[in-house]
Amino acid sequence: MADQDPVFQIQRVYLKEASLEQPNSPAILLQQEQPSVDIQLGVEAAPVAEGVYEVSVTATVTTKIQDKTVFLVEAKQAGIFEIRNLAPEQLSQIMGIACPQIVYPYLRGNVADLIQRGGFPPVHLSEINFQAMYEQQQADSAGAPAGSLPQ
């Protein structure tokens, strides 16, 4: 009967991809104006093997002065999780709430570090309520493809 016990284990958390672009440097760096900051987040989940899933959280941070980009950071932090013996709705909740909550702090640190290494004050991503995000996605999912969460 032990084979039917629920299993939830973190196999690995890793930075899957990261980029920093400063398309208007160095001229834009001389501007005294305060830039606007836009942050977009997305969550994806995909099976890797039987009972093993990759869950990733993506952040895109765009800062602009007027219509010129100061910098653009895109980063995807992922985790590999072993999840077994759960009902489909429980599996969906684990991958939409628990897994992103585990991965997100790593993403926050990597984004702040990348921006700071680019010569800017770090942008700290705010805490995210992944349960509320998941519930909103479930409410909106009538036309959304399976396995995708809103960005």
C-alpha atoms as a PDB file:
ATOM      1  CA  MET A   1       0.000   0.000   0.000  1.00  0.00           C
ATOM      2  CA  ALA A   2       3.003   2.324   0.480  1.00  0.00           C
ATOM      3  CA  ASP A   3       3.260   2.562  -3.330  1.00  0.00           C
ATOM      4  CA  GLN A   4       0.060   4.631  -3.330  1.00  0.00           C
ATOM      5  CA  ASP A   5       1.244   7.265  -0.835  1.00  0.00           C
ATOM      6  CA  PRO A   6       1.382  10.775  -2.325  1.00  0.00           C
ATOM      7  CA  VAL A   7       4.894  11.843  -3.358  1.00  0.00           C
ATOM      8  CA  PHE A   8       6.141  15.423  -3.716  1.00  0.00           C
ATOM      9  CA  GLN A   9       9.893  15.929  -3.999  1.00  0.00           C
ATOM     10  CA  ILE A  10      12.066  18.679  -5.415  1.00  0.00           C
ATOM     11  CA  GLN A  11      14.642  17.147  -7.737  1.00  0.00           C
ATOM     12  CA  ARG A  12      16.380  20.365  -8.820  1.00  0.00           C
ATOM     13  CA  VAL A  13      15.905  24.132  -9.119  1.00  0.00           C
ATOM     14  CA  TYR A  14      17.853  25.905 -11.854  1.00  0.00           C
ATOM     15  CA  LEU A  15      18.095  29.071 -13.926  1.00  0.00           C
ATOM     16  CA  LYS A  16      16.919  27.910 -17.351  1.00  0.00           C
ATOM     17  CA  GLU A  17      17.555  31.114 -19.257  1.00  0.00           C
ATOM     18  CA  ALA A  18      18.441  34.755 -18.623  1.00  0.00           C
ATOM     19  CA  SER A  19      19.170  37.780 -20.763  1.00  0.00           C
ATOM     20  CA  LEU A  20      19.907  41.463 -20.215  1.00  0.00           C
ATOM     21  CA  GLU A  21      19.663  43.964 -23.041  1.00  0.00           C
ATOM     22  CA  GLN A  22      20.620  47.644 -22.961  1.00  0.00           C
ATOM     23  CA  PRO A  23      19.801  48.648 -26.544  1.00  0.00           C
ATOM     24  CA  ASN A  24      20.138  52.409 -26.009  1.00  0.00           C
ATOM     25  CA  SER A  25      23.313  52.492 -23.922  1.00  0.00           C
ATOM     26  CA  PRO A  26      25.328  54.558 -23.301  1.00  0.00           C
ATOM     27  CA  ALA A  27      23.207  57.600 -24.312  1.00  0.00           C
ATOM     28  CA  ILE A  28      20.151  56.542 -22.272  1.00  0.00           C
ATOM     29  CA  LEU A  29      22.320  56.257 -19.148  1.00  0.00           C
ATOM     30  CA  LEU A  30      22.896  60.008 -19.202  1.00  0.00           C
ATOM     31  CA  GLN A  31      19.169  60.737 -18.900  1.00  0.00           C
ATOM     32  CA  GLN A  32      18.084  62.169 -15.552  1.00  0.00           C
ATOM     33  CA  GLU A  33      14.453  61.158 -15.944  1.00  0.00           C
ATOM     34  CA  GLN A  34      13.010  58.391 -13.772  1.00  0.00           C
ATOM     35  CA  PRO A  35      12.283  55.309 -15.928  1.00  0.00           C
ATOM     36  CA  SER A  36       8.977  53.465 -15.958  1.00  0.00           C
ATOM     37  CA  VAL A  37       9.137  49.780 -15.008  1.00  0.00           C
ATOM     38  CA  ASP A  38       6.884  47.066 -16.420  1.00  0.00           C
ATOM     39  CA  ILE A  39       7.018  43.529 -14.993  1.00  0.00           C
ATOM     40  CA  GLN A  40       5.332  40.525 -16.605  1.00  0.00           C
ATOM     41  CA  LEU A  41       5.222  37.066 -15.029  1.00  0.00           C
ATOM     42  CA  GLY A  42       4.276  33.679 -16.421  1.00  0.00           C
ATOM     43  CA  VAL A  43       4.081  30.121 -15.107  1.00  0.00           C
ATOM     44  CA  GLU A  44       4.433  26.974 -17.214  1.00  0.00           C
ATOM     45  CA  ALA A  45       4.309  23.295 -16.313  1.00  0.00           C
ATOM     46  CA  ALA A  46       5.207  20.315 -18.481  1.00  0.00           C
ATOM     47  CA  PRO A  47       5.736  16.587 -17.913  1.00  0.00           C
ATOM     48  CA  VAL A  48       9.341  15.406 -18.215  1.00  0.00           C
ATOM     49  CA  ALA A  49       8.883  11.707 -17.424  1.00  0.00           C
ATOM     50  CA  GLU A  50       6.353   9.521 -15.644  1.00  0.00           C
ATOM     51  CA  GLY A  51       5.549  11.382 -12.393  1.00  0.00           C
ATOM     52  CA  VAL A  52       8.241  14.023 -13.047  1.00  0.00           C
ATOM     53  CA  TYR A  53       7.396  17.595 -14.067  1.00  0.00           C
ATOM     54  CA  GLU A  54       9.222  20.790 -14.931  1.00  0.00           C
ATOM     55  CA  VAL A  55       7.589  23.941 -13.576  1.00  0.00           C
ATOM     56  CA  SER A  56       9.022  27.283 -14.629  1.00  0.00           C
ATOM     57  CA  VAL A  57       8.346  30.894 -13.712  1.00  0.00           C
ATOM     58  CA  THR A  58       9.314  33.570 -16.234  1.00  0.00           C
ATOM     59  CA  ALA A  59       9.813  37.270 -15.511  1.00  0.00           C
ATOM     60  CA  THR A  60      10.212  40.033 -18.075  1.00  0.00           C
ATOM     61  CA  VAL A  61      11.287  43.398 -16.668  1.00  0.00           C
ATOM     62  CA  THR A  62      11.245  46.331 -19.069  1.00  0.00           C
ATOM     63  CA  THR A  63      12.347  49.821 -18.052  1.00  0.00           C
ATOM     64  CA  LYS A  64      11.845  52.780 -20.358  1.00  0.00           C
ATOM     65  CA  ILE A  65      12.386  56.497 -20.423  1.00  0.00           C
ATOM     66  CA  GLN A  66       9.658  57.855 -22.655  1.00  0.00           C
ATOM     67  CA  ASP A  67       9.639  55.390 -25.566  1.00  0.00           C
ATOM     68  CA  LYS A  68      13.298  54.270 -25.295  1.00  0.00           C
ATOM     69  CA  THR A  69      14.262  51.087 -23.485  1.00  0.00           C
ATOM     70  CA  VAL A  70      16.786  51.535 -20.687  1.00  0.00           C
ATOM     71  CA  PHE A  71      17.077  47.807 -20.105  1.00  0.00           C
ATOM     72  CA  LEU A  72      15.136  44.617 -20.680  1.00  0.00           C
ATOM     73  CA  VAL A  73      15.654  41.533 -18.511  1.00  0.00           C
ATOM     74  CA  GLU A  74      14.086  38.176 -19.247  1.00  0.00           C
ATOM     75  CA  ALA A  75      14.679  35.256 -16.925  1.00  0.00           C
ATOM     76  CA  LYS A  76      13.174  31.793 -16.586  1.00  0.00           C
ATOM     77  CA  GLN A  77      13.700  29.875 -13.350  1.00  0.00           C
ATOM     78  CA  ALA A  78      12.634  26.244 -13.377  1.00  0.00           C
ATOM     79  CA  GLY A  79      12.344  23.294 -11.082  1.00  0.00           C
ATOM     80  CA  ILE A  80      12.030  19.572 -11.599  1.00  0.00           C
ATOM     81  CA  PHE A  81       9.545  17.960  -9.242  1.00  0.00           C
ATOM     82  CA  GLU A  82       8.570  14.366  -8.639  1.00  0.00           C
ATOM     83  CA  ILE A  83       4.814  14.298  -8.051  1.00  0.00           C
ATOM     84  CA  ARG A  84       2.989  10.975  -7.832  1.00  0.00           C
ATOM     85  CA  ASN A  85      -0.237   9.428  -6.605  1.00  0.00           C
ATOM     86  CA  LEU A  86      -2.347  12.589  -6.591  1.00  0.00           C
ATOM     87  CA  ALA A  87      -5.764  13.199  -8.088  1.00  0.00           C
ATOM     88  CA  PRO A  88      -5.621  15.324 -11.273  1.00  0.00           C
ATOM     89  CA  GLU A  89      -7.075  18.402  -9.533  1.00  0.00           C
ATOM     90  CA  GLN A  90      -4.509  18.071  -6.717  1.00  0.00           C
ATOM     91  CA  LEU A  91      -1.711  17.686  -9.262  1.00  0.00           C
ATOM     92  CA  SER A  92      -2.884  20.818 -11.047  1.00  0.00           C
ATOM     93  CA  GLN A  93      -2.924  22.780  -7.767  1.00  0.00           C
ATOM     94  CA  ILE A  94       0.545  21.563  -6.763  1.00  0.00           C
ATOM     95  CA  MET A  95       2.006  22.555 -10.144  1.00  0.00           C
ATOM     96  CA  GLY A  96       0.126  25.866 -10.241  1.00  0.00           C
ATOM     97  CA  ILE A  97       0.688  26.968  -6.631  1.00  0.00           C
ATOM     98  CA  ALA A  98       3.266  24.998  -4.606  1.00  0.00           C
ATOM     99  CA  CYS A  99       5.915  24.541  -7.309  1.00  0.00           C
ATOM    100  CA  PRO A 100       5.962  28.205  -8.430  1.00  0.00           C
ATOM    101  CA  GLN A 101       6.173  29.273  -4.758  1.00  0.00           C
ATOM    102  CA  ILE A 102       9.339  27.172  -4.433  1.00  0.00           C
ATOM    103  CA  VAL A 103      10.923  28.397  -7.686  1.00  0.00           C
ATOM    104  CA  TYR A 104       9.980  32.105  -7.480  1.00  0.00           C
ATOM    105  CA  PRO A 105      12.403  33.224  -4.713  1.00  0.00           C
ATOM    106  CA  TYR A 106      15.317  31.984  -6.833  1.00  0.00           C
ATOM    107  CA  LEU A 107      13.950  33.945  -9.800  1.00  0.00           C
ATOM    108  CA  ARG A 108      13.619  37.104  -7.697  1.00  0.00           C
ATOM    109  CA  GLY A 109      17.245  36.865  -6.586  1.00  0.00           C
ATOM    110  CA  ASN A 110      18.566  36.141 -10.071  1.00  0.00           C
ATOM    111  CA  VAL A 111      16.634  39.024 -11.662  1.00  0.00           C
ATOM    112  CA  ALA A 112      17.815  41.514  -9.009  1.00  0.00           C
ATOM    113  CA  ASP A 113      21.405  40.271  -9.388  1.00  0.00           C
ATOM    114  CA  LEU A 114      21.356  40.426 -13.191  1.00  0.00           C
ATOM    115  CA  ILE A 115      20.002  43.991 -13.171  1.00  0.00           C
ATOM    116  CA  GLN A 116      22.576  45.071 -10.589  1.00  0.00           C
ATOM    117  CA  ARG A 117      25.418  43.447 -12.578  1.00  0.00           C
ATOM    118  CA  GLY A 118      24.187  45.466 -15.559  1.00  0.00           C
ATOM    119  CA  GLY A 119      25.034  48.637 -13.631  1.00  0.00           C
ATOM    120  CA  PHE A 120      21.563  49.530 -12.373  1.00  0.00           C
ATOM    121  CA  PRO A 121      19.960  49.605  -8.939  1.00  0.00           C
ATOM    122  CA  PRO A 122      18.342  46.187  -8.420  1.00  0.00           C
ATOM    123  CA  VAL A 123      14.651  45.797  -9.203  1.00  0.00           C
ATOM    124  CA  HIS A 124      13.076  43.614  -6.543  1.00  0.00           C
ATOM    125  CA  LEU A 125      10.122  41.620  -7.789  1.00  0.00           C
ATOM    126  CA  SER A 126       7.286  41.743  -5.278  1.00  0.00           C
ATOM    127  CA  GLU A 127       5.891  38.691  -3.536  1.00  0.00           C
ATOM    128  CA  ILE A 128       3.280  36.845  -5.592  1.00  0.00           C
ATOM    129  CA  ASN A 129       0.178  35.089  -4.311  1.00  0.00           C
ATOM    130  CA  PHE A 130       0.334  32.059  -6.593  1.00  0.00           C
ATOM    131  CA  GLN A 131      -2.887  30.673  -5.136  1.00  0.00           C
ATOM    132  CA  ALA A 132      -4.810  33.781  -6.223  1.00  0.00           C
ATOM    133  CA  MET A 133      -3.048  33.681  -9.608  1.00  0.00           C
ATOM    134  CA  TYR A 134      -3.962  29.997 -10.013  1.00  0.00           C
ATOM    135  CA  GLU A 135      -7.583  30.585  -9.015  1.00  0.00           C
ATOM    136  CA  GLN A 136      -7.840  33.464 -11.493  1.00  0.00           C
ATOM    137  CA  GLN A 137      -6.372  31.257 -14.204  1.00  0.00           C
ATOM    138  CA  GLN A 138      -8.906  28.545 -13.400  1.00  0.00           C
ATOM    139  CA  ALA A 139     -11.732  31.086 -13.630  1.00  0.00           C
ATOM    140  CA  ASP A 140     -10.416  32.331 -16.998  1.00  0.00           C
ATOM    141  CA  SER A 141      -9.513  28.918 -18.460  1.00  0.00           C
ATOM    142  CA  ALA A 142     -12.625  28.411 -20.556  1.00  0.00           C
ATOM    143  CA  GLY A 143     -10.704  29.348 -23.736  1.00  0.00           C
ATOM    144  CA  ALA A 144      -7.105  28.798 -22.617  1.00  0.00           C
ATOM    145  CA  PRO A 145      -5.027  25.827 -23.759  1.00  0.00           C
ATOM    146  CA  ALA A 146      -4.464  23.135 -21.130  1.00  0.00           C
ATOM    147  CA  GLY A 147      -1.316  23.466 -19.031  1.00  0.00           C
ATOM    148  CA  SER A 148      -0.798  27.178 -19.603  1.00  0.00           C
ATOM    149  CA  LEU A 149      -1.117  29.870 -16.997  1.00  0.00           C
ATOM    150  CA  PRO A 150      -1.647  33.563 -17.747  1.00  0.00           C
ATOM    151  CA  GLN A 151       1.342  35.836 -18.072  1.00  0.00           C
END
